[in-house]
PDB file of N, CA and C in Angstrom:
ATOM      1  N   MET A   1      61.482 -48.251 138.873  1.00  0.00           N
ATOM      2  CA  MET A   1      62.396 -48.195 137.455  1.00  0.00           C
ATOM      3  C   MET A   1      61.990 -46.814 136.812  1.00  0.00           C
ATOM      4  N   GLY A   2      62.571 -45.911 135.814  1.00  0.00           N
ATOM      5  CA  GLY A   2      62.082 -44.888 135.545  1.00  0.00           C
ATOM      6  C   GLY A   2      62.266 -45.017 134.233  1.00  0.00           C
ATOM      7  N   ILE A   3      61.718 -44.051 133.231  1.00  0.00           N
ATOM      8  CA  ILE A   3      61.649 -44.143 131.866  1.00  0.00           C
ATOM      9  C   ILE A   3      63.052 -44.119 131.590  1.00  0.00           C
ATOM     10  N   PRO A   4      63.101 -44.618 130.564  1.00  0.00           N
ATOM     11  CA  PRO A   4      64.613 -45.163 129.737  1.00  0.00           C
ATOM     12  C   PRO A   4      64.984 -43.614 128.512  1.00  0.00           C
ATOM     13  N   GLN A   5      65.837 -43.086 129.368  1.00  0.00           N
ATOM     14  CA  GLN A   5      66.561 -41.772 128.840  1.00  0.00           C
ATOM     15  C   GLN A   5      67.367 -42.076 127.316  1.00  0.00           C
ATOM     16  N   GLN A   6      65.766 -41.186 126.133  1.00  0.00           N
ATOM     17  CA  GLN A   6      67.021 -41.658 124.781  1.00  0.00           C
ATOM     18  C   GLN A   6      67.470 -39.950 124.707  1.00  0.00           C
ATOM     19  N   ARG A   7      68.959 -39.993 123.891  1.00  0.00           N
ATOM     20  CA  ARG A   7      69.423 -38.799 123.766  1.00  0.00           C
ATOM     21  C   ARG A   7      68.360 -38.535 122.331  1.00  0.00           C
ATOM     22  N   PRO A   8      67.739 -37.075 122.690  1.00  0.00           N
ATOM     23  CA  PRO A   8      67.045 -36.698 121.556  1.00  0.00           C
ATOM     24  C   PRO A   8      67.623 -36.257 120.089  1.00  0.00           C
ATOM     25  N   LYS A   9      67.046 -36.373 118.889  1.00  0.00           N
ATOM     26  CA  LYS A   9      68.286 -36.414 117.529  1.00  0.00           C
ATOM     27  C   LYS A   9      68.312 -35.748 117.322  1.00  0.00           C
ATOM     28  N   ASP A  10      68.706 -34.475 117.952  1.00  0.00           N
ATOM     29  CA  ASP A  10      69.194 -32.815 117.364  1.00  0.00           C
ATOM     30  C   ASP A  10      69.908 -32.208 119.088  1.00  0.00           C
ATOM     31  N   SER A  11      70.541 -32.701 119.601  1.00  0.00           N
ATOM     32  CA  SER A  11      71.151 -32.700 120.587  1.00  0.00           C
ATOM     33  C   SER A  11      72.542 -32.438 120.573  1.00  0.00           C
ATOM     34  N   PRO A  12      72.733 -31.528 121.884  1.00  0.00           N
ATOM     35  CA  PRO A  12      74.215 -30.477 121.104  1.00  0.00           C
ATOM     36  C   PRO A  12      75.113 -31.610 120.201  1.00  0.00           C
ATOM     37  N   GLU A  13      75.304 -32.278 121.144  1.00  0.00           N
ATOM     38  CA  GLU A  13      76.630 -33.549 120.239  1.00  0.00           C
ATOM     39  C   GLU A  13      76.994 -33.707 118.720  1.00  0.00           C
ATOM     40  N   ASP A  14      75.189 -33.315 117.981  1.00  0.00           N
ATOM     41  CA  ASP A  14      74.933 -33.390 116.440  1.00  0.00           C
ATOM     42  C   ASP A  14      74.815 -32.211 115.579  1.00  0.00           C
ATOM     43  N   TRP A  15      75.127 -31.128 116.735  1.00  0.00           N
ATOM     44  CA  TRP A  15      75.458 -29.804 116.258  1.00  0.00           C
ATOM     45  C   TRP A  15      76.867 -29.997 115.820  1.00  0.00           C
ATOM     46  N   ASN A  16      76.394 -28.639 114.246  1.00  0.00           N
ATOM     47  CA  ASN A  16      78.283 -28.218 113.716  1.00  0.00           C
ATOM     48  C   ASN A  16      78.656 -27.292 114.631  1.00  0.00           C
ATOM     49  N   GLN A  17      80.071 -27.297 114.443  1.00  0.00           N
ATOM     50  CA  GLN A  17      80.798 -25.769 115.547  1.00  0.00           C
ATOM     51  C   GLN A  17      79.722 -24.900 115.128  1.00  0.00           C
ATOM     52  N   ASP A  18      79.363 -24.339 113.936  1.00  0.00           N
ATOM     53  CA  ASP A  18      79.033 -23.515 113.147  1.00  0.00           C
ATOM     54  C   ASP A  18      77.505 -23.167 114.320  1.00  0.00           C
ATOM     55  N   GLU A  19      77.196 -23.838 114.219  1.00  0.00           N
ATOM     56  CA  GLU A  19      76.041 -23.767 115.174  1.00  0.00           C
ATOM     57  C   GLU A  19      75.509 -23.467 116.511  1.00  0.00           C
ATOM     58  N   ALA A  20      76.675 -24.057 116.863  1.00  0.00           N
ATOM     59  CA  ALA A  20      76.751 -24.267 118.219  1.00  0.00           C
ATOM     60  C   ALA A  20      77.236 -22.639 118.625  1.00  0.00           C
ATOM     61  N   SER A  21      77.986 -22.149 117.817  1.00  0.00           N
ATOM     62  CA  SER A  21      78.253 -20.738 118.029  1.00  0.00           C
ATOM     63  C   SER A  21      77.462 -19.211 118.018  1.00  0.00           C
ATOM     64  N   LEU A  22      76.881 -20.038 117.046  1.00  0.00           N
ATOM     65  CA  LEU A  22      75.770 -18.405 116.937  1.00  0.00           C
ATOM     66  C   LEU A  22      74.434 -18.351 117.807  1.00  0.00           C
ATOM     67  N   LEU A  23      74.104 -20.157 118.401  1.00  0.00           N
ATOM     68  CA  LEU A  23      73.345 -20.320 119.837  1.00  0.00           C
ATOM     69  C   LEU A  23      73.974 -19.535 121.136  1.00  0.00           C
ATOM     70  N   GLU A  24      75.380 -19.537 121.281  1.00  0.00           N
ATOM     71  CA  GLU A  24      76.285 -19.265 122.472  1.00  0.00           C
ATOM     72  C   GLU A  24      76.102 -18.112 122.424  1.00  0.00           C
ATOM     73  N   GLY A  25      76.662 -17.591 121.081  1.00  0.00           N
ATOM     74  CA  GLY A  25      76.621 -16.040 120.524  1.00  0.00           C
ATOM     75  C   GLY A  25      74.770 -15.147 120.806  1.00  0.00           C
ATOM     76  N   LEU A  26      74.446 -15.744 120.959  1.00  0.00           N
ATOM     77  CA  LEU A  26      72.426 -15.070 120.906  1.00  0.00           C
ATOM     78  C   LEU A  26      72.370 -15.240 122.750  1.00  0.00           C
ATOM     79  N   TYR A  27      72.933 -16.264 123.045  1.00  0.00           N
ATOM     80  CA  TYR A  27      72.433 -16.684 124.405  1.00  0.00           C
ATOM     81  C   TYR A  27      73.108 -15.766 125.392  1.00  0.00           C
ATOM     82  N   GLN A  28      74.868 -15.685 125.020  1.00  0.00           N
ATOM     83  CA  GLN A  28      75.608 -14.407 126.011  1.00  0.00           C
ATOM     84  C   GLN A  28      74.706 -13.094 125.612  1.00  0.00           C
ATOM     85  N   MET A  29      74.758 -12.429 124.723  1.00  0.00           N
ATOM     86  CA  MET A  29      73.783 -11.450 124.169  1.00  0.00           C
ATOM     87  C   MET A  29      72.526 -11.226 124.769  1.00  0.00           C
ATOM     88  N   ALA A  30      72.071 -11.997 125.217  1.00  0.00           N
ATOM     89  CA  ALA A  30      70.061 -11.940 125.756  1.00  0.00           C
ATOM     90  C   ALA A  30      70.690 -11.421 127.171  1.00  0.00           C
ATOM     91  N   VAL A  31      71.652 -12.743 127.287  1.00  0.00           N
ATOM     92  CA  VAL A  31      71.895 -12.760 129.198  1.00  0.00           C
ATOM     93  C   VAL A  31      72.503 -11.025 129.194  1.00  0.00           C
ATOM     94  N   GLU A  32      73.405 -10.637 129.078  1.00  0.00           N
ATOM     95  CA  GLU A  32      74.620  -9.495 129.119  1.00  0.00           C
ATOM     96  C   GLU A  32      73.189  -7.960 128.943  1.00  0.00           C
ATOM     97  N   GLY A  33      72.108  -8.588 128.073  1.00  0.00           N
ATOM     98  CA  GLY A  33      71.054  -7.290 127.826  1.00  0.00           C
ATOM     99  C   GLY A  33      71.493  -6.163 126.347  1.00  0.00           C
ATOM    100  N   ARG A  34      72.005  -7.500 125.807  1.00  0.00           N
ATOM    101  CA  ARG A  34      72.392  -6.284 124.871  1.00  0.00           C
ATOM    102  C   ARG A  34      71.599  -6.450 123.155  1.00  0.00           C
ATOM    103  N   VAL A  35      70.731  -6.878 123.775  1.00  0.00           N
ATOM    104  CA  VAL A  35      69.437  -7.554 122.440  1.00  0.00           C
ATOM    105  C   VAL A  35      69.151  -6.955 121.306  1.00  0.00           C
ATOM    106  N   GLU A  36      69.419  -5.328 121.692  1.00  0.00           N
ATOM    107  CA  GLU A  36      68.724  -3.902 120.227  1.00  0.00           C
ATOM    108  C   GLU A  36      70.105  -3.827 119.904  1.00  0.00           C
ATOM    109  N   THR A  37      70.719  -4.554 119.886  1.00  0.00           N
ATOM    110  CA  THR A  37      72.057  -4.121 118.771  1.00  0.00           C
ATOM    111  C   THR A  37      72.114  -4.899 117.839  1.00  0.00           C
ATOM    112  N   SER A  38      73.018  -4.408 116.798  1.00  0.00           N
ATOM    113  CA  SER A  38      72.596  -4.557 115.124  1.00  0.00           C
ATOM    114  C   SER A  38      72.887  -5.470 115.226  1.00  0.00           C
ATOM    115  N   GLU A  39      74.458  -6.282 115.849  1.00  0.00           N
ATOM    116  CA  GLU A  39      74.558  -7.423 115.881  1.00  0.00           C
ATOM    117  C   GLU A  39      73.545  -8.628 116.227  1.00  0.00           C
ATOM    118  N   CYS A  40      73.280  -8.276 117.195  1.00  0.00           N
ATOM    119  CA  CYS A  40      72.205  -8.852 118.354  1.00  0.00           C
ATOM    120  C   CYS A  40      70.995  -9.476 116.952  1.00  0.00           C
ATOM    121  N   GLN A  41      70.559  -8.107 116.692  1.00  0.00           N
ATOM    122  CA  GLN A  41      68.850  -8.495 115.231  1.00  0.00           C
ATOM    123  C   GLN A  41      69.965  -9.362 114.237  1.00  0.00           C
ATOM    124  N   GLN A  42      71.493  -9.614 113.669  1.00  0.00           N
ATOM    125  CA  GLN A  42      71.655 -10.005 113.038  1.00  0.00           C
ATOM    126  C   GLN A  42      71.348 -11.355 113.602  1.00  0.00           C
ATOM    127  N   LEU A  43      72.232 -11.062 114.425  1.00  0.00           N
ATOM    128  CA  LEU A  43      72.715 -13.020 114.834  1.00  0.00           C
ATOM    129  C   LEU A  43      71.295 -13.740 114.942  1.00  0.00           C
ATOM    130  N   ALA A  44      70.460 -13.113 115.871  1.00  0.00           N
ATOM    131  CA  ALA A  44      68.974 -13.588 115.369  1.00  0.00           C
ATOM    132  C   ALA A  44      68.457 -14.211 114.151  1.00  0.00           C
ATOM    133  N   THR A  45      68.851 -13.704 113.127  1.00  0.00           N
ATOM    134  CA  THR A  45      68.563 -13.290 111.827  1.00  0.00           C
ATOM    135  C   THR A  45      68.448 -14.451 111.106  1.00  0.00           C
ATOM    136  N   ASP A  46      70.337 -14.555 111.854  1.00  0.00           N
ATOM    137  CA  ASP A  46      70.824 -16.029 111.408  1.00  0.00           C
ATOM    138  C   ASP A  46      70.182 -17.483 111.764  1.00  0.00           C
ATOM    139  N   VAL A  47      70.236 -17.551 113.136  1.00  0.00           N
ATOM    140  CA  VAL A  47      69.477 -18.245 114.226  1.00  0.00           C
ATOM    141  C   VAL A  47      68.410 -18.736 113.445  1.00  0.00           C
ATOM    142  N   TYR A  48      67.309 -17.546 113.450  1.00  0.00           N
ATOM    143  CA  TYR A  48      66.319 -17.947 113.007  1.00  0.00           C
ATOM    144  C   TYR A  48      65.855 -18.764 111.486  1.00  0.00           C
ATOM    145  N   SER A  49      67.236 -17.780 110.454  1.00  0.00           N
ATOM    146  CA  SER A  49      67.049 -18.608 109.135  1.00  0.00           C
ATOM    147  C   SER A  49      67.575 -19.955 109.424  1.00  0.00           C
ATOM    148  N   ARG A  50      68.371 -20.689 109.996  1.00  0.00           N
ATOM    149  CA  ARG A  50      68.755 -22.245 109.998  1.00  0.00           C
ATOM    150  C   ARG A  50      67.847 -22.470 110.752  1.00  0.00           C
ATOM    151  N   LEU A  51      67.235 -22.329 111.921  1.00  0.00           N
ATOM    152  CA  LEU A  51      66.054 -23.010 111.753  1.00  0.00           C
ATOM    153  C   LEU A  51      64.872 -23.264 111.484  1.00  0.00           C
ATOM    154  N   GLU A  52      64.558 -22.151 110.450  1.00  0.00           N
ATOM    155  CA  GLU A  52      64.169 -22.258 109.107  1.00  0.00           C
ATOM    156  C   GLU A  52      63.579 -23.321 108.323  1.00  0.00           C
ATOM    157  N   ALA A  53      65.292 -23.140 108.256  1.00  0.00           N
ATOM    158  CA  ALA A  53      65.050 -24.137 106.790  1.00  0.00           C
ATOM    159  C   ALA A  53      65.654 -25.853 107.402  1.00  0.00           C
ATOM    160  N   SER A  54      66.000 -25.738 108.895  1.00  0.00           N
ATOM    161  CA  SER A  54      65.976 -27.381 109.394  1.00  0.00           C
ATOM    162  C   SER A  54      64.895 -27.582 109.865  1.00  0.00           C
ATOM    163  N   TYR A  55      63.738 -27.161 110.080  1.00  0.00           N
ATOM    164  CA  TYR A  55      62.005 -27.554 110.409  1.00  0.00           C
ATOM    165  C   TYR A  55      60.903 -26.792 110.099  1.00  0.00           C
ATOM    166  N   ALA A  56      60.838 -26.396 108.556  1.00  0.00           N
ATOM    167  CA  ALA A  56      60.195 -25.761 108.110  1.00  0.00           C
ATOM    168  C   ALA A  56      59.752 -26.849 107.301  1.00  0.00           C
ATOM    169  N   ASP A  57      58.147 -26.664 107.262  1.00  0.00           N
ATOM    170  CA  ASP A  57      57.298 -28.033 106.818  1.00  0.00           C
ATOM    171  C   ASP A  57      56.507 -27.596 105.744  1.00  0.00           C
ATOM    172  N   PRO A  58      57.862 -28.167 104.175  1.00  0.00           N
ATOM    173  CA  PRO A  58      57.567 -27.741 102.531  1.00  0.00           C
ATOM    174  C   PRO A  58      55.993 -28.034 102.616  1.00  0.00           C
ATOM    175  N   SER A  59      55.552 -28.268 102.780  1.00  0.00           N
ATOM    176  CA  SER A  59      53.780 -28.335 102.476  1.00  0.00           C
ATOM    177  C   SER A  59      53.664 -26.874 102.935  1.00  0.00           C
ATOM    178  N   ALA A  60      54.254 -26.775 104.009  1.00  0.00           N
ATOM    179  CA  ALA A  60      53.235 -24.908 104.042  1.00  0.00           C
ATOM    180  C   ALA A  60      54.361 -23.575 103.411  1.00  0.00           C
ATOM    181  N   ALA A  61      54.565 -24.122 102.811  1.00  0.00           N
ATOM    182  CA  ALA A  61      55.051 -23.186 101.368  1.00  0.00           C
ATOM    183  C   ALA A  61      54.323 -22.804 101.083  1.00  0.00           C
ATOM    184  N   PRO A  62      53.975 -21.552 100.421  1.00  0.00           N
ATOM    185  CA  PRO A  62      52.813 -21.415  99.396  1.00  0.00           C
ATOM    186  C   PRO A  62      53.229 -21.367  98.494  1.00  0.00           C
ATOM    187  N   ASP A  63      54.494 -21.691  97.318  1.00  0.00           N
ATOM    188  CA  ASP A  63      54.733 -22.382  96.185  1.00  0.00           C
ATOM    189  C   ASP A  63      53.356 -23.886  96.183  1.00  0.00           C
ATOM    190  N   ALA A  64      53.936 -24.616  97.463  1.00  0.00           N
ATOM    191  CA  ALA A  64      53.121 -26.185  97.449  1.00  0.00           C
ATOM    192  C   ALA A  64      51.234 -25.901  97.341  1.00  0.00           C
ATOM    193  N   ALA A  65      50.617 -24.865  98.419  1.00  0.00           N
ATOM    194  CA  ALA A  65      49.680 -24.482  98.204  1.00  0.00           C
ATOM    195  C   ALA A  65      49.037 -24.089  96.845  1.00  0.00           C
ATOM    196  N   THR A  66      49.815 -23.918  95.738  1.00  0.00           N
ATOM    197  CA  THR A  66      49.331 -22.732  94.978  1.00  0.00           C
ATOM    198  C   THR A  66      49.482 -24.198  93.746  1.00  0.00           C
ATOM    199  N   GLU A  67      50.198 -24.939  93.772  1.00  0.00           N
ATOM    200  CA  GLU A  67      50.244 -26.376  92.771  1.00  0.00           C
ATOM    201  C   GLU A  67      49.456 -27.216  93.243  1.00  0.00           C
ATOM    202  N   ALA A  68      49.157 -27.397  94.219  1.00  0.00           N
ATOM    203  CA  ALA A  68      48.518 -28.162  95.226  1.00  0.00           C
ATOM    204  C   ALA A  68      47.031 -28.913  93.777  1.00  0.00           C
TER     205      ALA A  68
END
């Protein structure tokens, strides 16, 4: 008897098409070795911004520390 497998909260089925396209594009550029291009850097910045907005800890924001 194995451990029941649950679908992660943020599984690919829950991603919107724009997010999936950004990640796929970044992955393809990495596989092809095109990581030093301005297009790849912009894509990485976009992905990072979305991840930061989705997962950032609001209590760790600089404004939160000064308001406490």
